[in-house]
Amino acid sequence: MIALPGPSVLLTVAHSLSIGWRNALSTVAGETTGIAVQLLVAAIGLTSLLHAVGEAFEWLRPPHALFTSESDNGEAQVNLRTLAR
């Protein structure tokens, strides 16, 4: 779960060298649990942020619908006739 060495890797190596690798497995389990909790909190925070931003920009939907139309292949295209009016 850790891509770059940092304080948690330093702690794991220090515990491994001082108390042995078997006893240091509890350190690894604790760090992994902590990282999982941080990941969960960050995911919840990002989800709520994206939800709030989506609601904040909801007012853009009606003007956007006036100037775009869906083509045969499903892609949105700018409706130049509407823009020219």
C-alpha atoms as a PDB file:
ATOM      1  CA  MET A   1       0.000   0.000   0.000  1.00  0.00           C
ATOM      2  CA  ILE A   2       2.975   2.322   0.370  1.00  0.00           C
ATOM      3  CA  ALA A   3       4.538   3.447  -2.904  1.00  0.00           C
ATOM      4  CA  LEU A   4       7.346   5.662  -1.565  1.00  0.00           C
ATOM      5  CA  PRO A   5       9.477   5.183   1.534  1.00  0.00           C
ATOM      6  CA  GLY A   6       8.663   7.597   4.316  1.00  0.00           C
ATOM      7  CA  PRO A   7       8.195   7.700   8.067  1.00  0.00           C
ATOM      8  CA  SER A   8       6.118   4.514   8.173  1.00  0.00           C
ATOM      9  CA  VAL A   9       8.759   2.548   6.271  1.00  0.00           C
ATOM     10  CA  LEU A  10      11.441   3.966   8.554  1.00  0.00           C
ATOM     11  CA  LEU A  11       9.412   2.884  11.600  1.00  0.00           C
ATOM     12  CA  THR A  12       8.914  -0.606  10.180  1.00  0.00           C
ATOM     13  CA  VAL A  13      12.608  -1.033   9.392  1.00  0.00           C
ATOM     14  CA  ALA A  14      13.630   0.307  12.798  1.00  0.00           C
ATOM     15  CA  HIS A  15      11.250  -2.061  14.591  1.00  0.00           C
ATOM     16  CA  SER A  16      12.391  -4.968  12.441  1.00  0.00           C
ATOM     17  CA  LEU A  17      16.027  -4.322  13.313  1.00  0.00           C
ATOM     18  CA  SER A  18      15.440  -3.700  17.018  1.00  0.00           C
ATOM     19  CA  ILE A  19      12.794  -6.297  17.957  1.00  0.00           C
ATOM     20  CA  GLY A  20      12.950  -8.757  15.062  1.00  0.00           C
ATOM     21  CA  TRP A  21      10.868  -9.209  11.979  1.00  0.00           C
ATOM     22  CA  ARG A  22       8.198 -11.407  13.580  1.00  0.00           C
ATOM     23  CA  ASN A  23       7.416  -8.872  16.293  1.00  0.00           C
ATOM     24  CA  ALA A  24       7.497  -6.039  13.734  1.00  0.00           C
ATOM     25  CA  LEU A  25       4.567  -7.616  11.863  1.00  0.00           C
ATOM     26  CA  SER A  26       2.250  -5.924  14.379  1.00  0.00           C
ATOM     27  CA  THR A  27       3.762  -2.595  13.302  1.00  0.00           C
ATOM     28  CA  VAL A  28       3.055  -3.438   9.675  1.00  0.00           C
ATOM     29  CA  ALA A  29      -0.536  -4.423  10.543  1.00  0.00           C
ATOM     30  CA  GLY A  30      -1.056  -1.186  12.470  1.00  0.00           C
ATOM     31  CA  GLU A  31       0.369   0.968   9.687  1.00  0.00           C
ATOM     32  CA  THR A  32      -1.713  -0.815   7.070  1.00  0.00           C
ATOM     33  CA  THR A  33      -4.851  -0.307   9.148  1.00  0.00           C
ATOM     34  CA  GLY A  34      -4.008   3.376   9.575  1.00  0.00           C
ATOM     35  CA  ILE A  35      -3.452   3.848   5.854  1.00  0.00           C
ATOM     36  CA  ALA A  36      -6.733   2.063   5.093  1.00  0.00           C
ATOM     37  CA  VAL A  37      -8.585   4.414   7.455  1.00  0.00           C
ATOM     38  CA  GLN A  38      -6.923   7.443   5.831  1.00  0.00           C
ATOM     39  CA  LEU A  39      -7.893   6.128   2.399  1.00  0.00           C
ATOM     40  CA  LEU A  40     -11.500   5.628   3.483  1.00  0.00           C
ATOM     41  CA  VAL A  41     -11.736   9.136   4.964  1.00  0.00           C
ATOM     42  CA  ALA A  42     -10.194  10.660   1.833  1.00  0.00           C
ATOM     43  CA  ALA A  43     -12.603   8.754  -0.421  1.00  0.00           C
ATOM     44  CA  ILE A  44     -15.602   9.901   1.623  1.00  0.00           C
ATOM     45  CA  GLY A  45     -14.320  13.481   1.555  1.00  0.00           C
ATOM     46  CA  LEU A  46     -13.744  13.468  -2.198  1.00  0.00           C
ATOM     47  CA  THR A  47     -17.151  11.935  -2.795  1.00  0.00           C
ATOM     48  CA  SER A  48     -18.879  14.630  -0.764  1.00  0.00           C
ATOM     49  CA  LEU A  49     -16.809  17.337  -2.460  1.00  0.00           C
ATOM     50  CA  LEU A  50     -17.723  16.100  -5.937  1.00  0.00           C
ATOM     51  CA  HIS A  51     -21.364  15.876  -4.910  1.00  0.00           C
ATOM     52  CA  ALA A  52     -21.316  19.486  -3.658  1.00  0.00           C
ATOM     53  CA  VAL A  53     -19.537  20.743  -6.771  1.00  0.00           C
ATOM     54  CA  GLY A  54     -22.018  18.924  -8.983  1.00  0.00           C
ATOM     55  CA  GLU A  55     -24.919  20.626  -7.246  1.00  0.00           C
ATOM     56  CA  ALA A  56     -23.175  23.994  -7.437  1.00  0.00           C
ATOM     57  CA  PHE A  57     -22.838  23.775 -11.226  1.00  0.00           C
ATOM     58  CA  GLU A  58     -26.352  22.457 -11.826  1.00  0.00           C
ATOM     59  CA  TRP A  59     -27.368  25.944 -13.035  1.00  0.00           C
ATOM     60  CA  LEU A  60     -25.159  25.429 -16.121  1.00  0.00           C
ATOM     61  CA  ARG A  61     -27.253  22.561 -17.457  1.00  0.00           C
ATOM     62  CA  PRO A  62     -30.161  24.516 -19.087  1.00  0.00           C
ATOM     63  CA  PRO A  63     -27.950  27.045 -20.973  1.00  0.00           C
ATOM     64  CA  HIS A  64     -25.687  24.192 -22.088  1.00  0.00           C
ATOM     65  CA  ALA A  65     -28.671  22.284 -23.454  1.00  0.00           C
ATOM     66  CA  LEU A  66     -29.648  25.266 -25.601  1.00  0.00           C
ATOM     67  CA  PHE A  67     -26.296  25.337 -27.384  1.00  0.00           C
ATOM     68  CA  THR A  68     -25.530  21.648 -27.774  1.00  0.00           C
ATOM     69  CA  SER A  69     -27.268  18.730 -29.413  1.00  0.00           C
ATOM     70  CA  GLU A  70     -26.508  15.036 -29.530  1.00  0.00           C
ATOM     71  CA  SER A  71     -25.246  13.624 -32.817  1.00  0.00           C
ATOM     72  CA  ASP A  72     -26.018  10.186 -34.276  1.00  0.00           C
ATOM     73  CA  ASN A  73     -22.984   8.621 -32.621  1.00  0.00           C
ATOM     74  CA  GLY A  74     -23.914   9.970 -29.160  1.00  0.00           C
ATOM     75  CA  GLU A  75     -21.366  12.766 -28.969  1.00  0.00           C
ATOM     76  CA  ALA A  76     -22.382  16.283 -28.004  1.00  0.00           C
ATOM     77  CA  GLN A  77     -21.954  18.883 -30.742  1.00  0.00           C
ATOM     78  CA  VAL A  78     -22.326  22.645 -30.647  1.00  0.00           C
ATOM     79  CA  ASN A  79     -25.545  23.753 -32.281  1.00  0.00           C
ATOM     80  CA  LEU A  80     -24.305  26.597 -34.524  1.00  0.00           C
ATOM     81  CA  ARG A  81     -27.801  27.595 -35.634  1.00  0.00           C
ATOM     82  CA  THR A  82     -28.766  28.352 -32.037  1.00  0.00           C
ATOM     83  CA  LEU A  83     -25.564  30.327 -31.508  1.00  0.00           C
ATOM     84  CA  ALA A  84     -26.152  32.392 -34.656  1.00  0.00           C
ATOM     85  CA  ARG A  85     -29.569  33.627 -33.460  1.00  0.00           C
END
